[in-house]
Protein backbone atom coordinates (compact mmCIF):
# COMPACT_ATOMS: atom_id res chain seq x y z
CA MET A 1 79.29 84.79 108.34
CA LYS A 2 80.90 84.54 112.09
CA THR A 3 84.21 82.97 112.72
CA ILE A 4 85.71 82.75 116.21
CA TRP A 5 88.84 84.30 117.01
CA LYS A 6 91.77 84.47 119.15
CA PHE A 7 92.77 87.19 121.19
CA GLU A 8 96.41 87.47 123.29
CA LEU A 9 96.05 89.14 126.80
CA THR A 10 98.47 90.84 128.44
CA PRO A 11 99.55 90.41 132.59
CA ASN A 12 98.21 94.11 132.99
CA ARG A 13 95.10 94.60 135.41
CA ILE A 14 93.17 96.58 133.24
CA GLN A 15 93.72 96.62 129.26
CA SER A 16 91.56 97.19 126.18
CA VAL A 17 91.10 94.89 122.97
CA PRO A 18 90.19 95.95 119.87
CA MET A 19 87.42 93.66 118.63
CA PRO A 20 84.30 93.94 115.83
CA VAL A 21 81.18 95.71 116.77
CA GLY A 22 79.21 93.25 118.48
CA ALA A 23 81.54 90.59 119.33
CA GLN A 24 80.27 87.55 121.76
CA VAL A 25 83.29 86.65 124.09
CA LEU A 26 83.04 82.76 124.58
CA THR A 27 85.95 82.19 127.25
CA VAL A 28 89.36 82.81 128.33
CA GLN A 29 91.92 79.91 128.98
CA THR A 30 95.64 79.40 129.20
CA LYS A 31 97.27 77.50 126.21
CA GLY A 32 100.71 75.91 126.58
CA ASP A 33 103.10 78.50 127.98
CA ASP A 34 100.38 80.23 130.17
CA ALA A 35 99.77 83.28 128.11
CA PRO A 36 95.90 84.17 128.78
CA LEU A 37 94.33 83.63 125.73
CA LEU A 38 90.49 85.28 125.19
CA TRP A 39 88.20 83.49 121.92
CA ALA A 40 85.27 85.76 120.83
CA LEU A 41 83.06 84.95 118.36
CA VAL A 42 83.00 88.02 115.48
CA ASP A 43 81.81 89.01 112.00
CA PRO A 44 85.06 89.93 110.49
CA GLU A 45 83.25 92.41 108.55
CA MET A 46 82.60 94.69 111.53
CA PRO A 47 84.77 97.97 112.37
CA PRO A 48 87.01 96.99 115.30
CA GLN A 49 86.15 99.10 118.74
CA GLU A 50 87.53 98.98 121.88
CA ARG A 51 86.54 96.29 125.14
CA TYR A 52 88.18 97.18 128.18
CA LEU A 53 88.91 94.28 130.41
CA GLY A 54 90.34 93.58 134.42
CA ILE A 55 92.18 90.83 135.24
CA TYR A 56 92.05 90.75 138.88
CA THR A 57 94.50 87.69 140.98
CA THR A 58 92.81 85.73 143.76
CA ASN A 59 92.77 87.43 147.42
CA THR A 60 93.75 90.73 145.71
CA ALA A 61 91.00 94.05 145.52
CA VAL A 62 88.45 94.01 143.12
CA PRO A 63 86.16 97.12 142.38
CA ASP A 64 82.59 96.81 143.35
CA ASP A 65 81.21 96.85 139.89
CA PRO A 66 83.85 94.82 138.70
CA GLY A 67 82.04 94.29 134.97
CA ARG A 68 80.56 90.89 133.62
CA TYR A 69 82.60 88.26 134.74
CA ILE A 70 83.87 86.33 131.80
CA GLY A 71 85.74 83.34 133.21
CA SER A 72 88.80 82.53 135.40
CA PHE A 73 92.23 80.75 134.56
CA MET A 74 95.35 79.67 136.08
CA VAL A 75 98.97 79.72 135.15
CA TYR A 76 102.47 78.26 136.21
CA GLU A 77 100.63 75.08 137.04
CA GLY A 78 97.80 76.45 139.05
CA SER A 79 100.34 78.59 141.32
CA LEU A 80 98.42 81.67 140.18
CA GLU A 81 94.83 82.26 139.89
CA PHE A 82 93.41 85.06 137.85
CA HIS A 83 89.46 86.42 137.14
CA LEU A 84 88.73 87.96 134.05
CA PHE A 85 86.01 90.74 133.99
CA GLU A 86 84.71 92.60 131.21
CA MET A 87 83.99 96.44 132.04
CA ALA A 88 81.19 98.53 130.66
CA GLY A 89 83.22 101.34 129.10
CA PRO A 90 87.18 102.96 129.93
CA PRO A 91 88.33 102.50 133.09
CA PRO A 92 88.07 105.65 135.39
CA ASP A 93 90.66 108.34 135.08
CA GLY A 94 94.39 107.32 137.15
CA GLU A 95 93.97 103.69 135.74
CA SER A 96 95.32 102.65 132.41
CA PRO A 97 94.22 100.17 130.29
């Protein structure tokens, strides 16, 4: 049986998040204290795998292929806007997750 899990994201531009294999990312939003959170539909019986996410602010450089768009969210009462993408694999050398 599947369930929905919540994952806290860090303010890093690129990060890895361990999720069960086959997890379906549902949305990204903020809750209360403006911390970005990601929700995913998961099978808790599956082993974890690293998923790579890129978070980019409005009006900043984005790679030519940032990955699959997940969603956008705002923090600090809308004063900062961010856009979340799931990358196909780990970032190239030189960029830290």
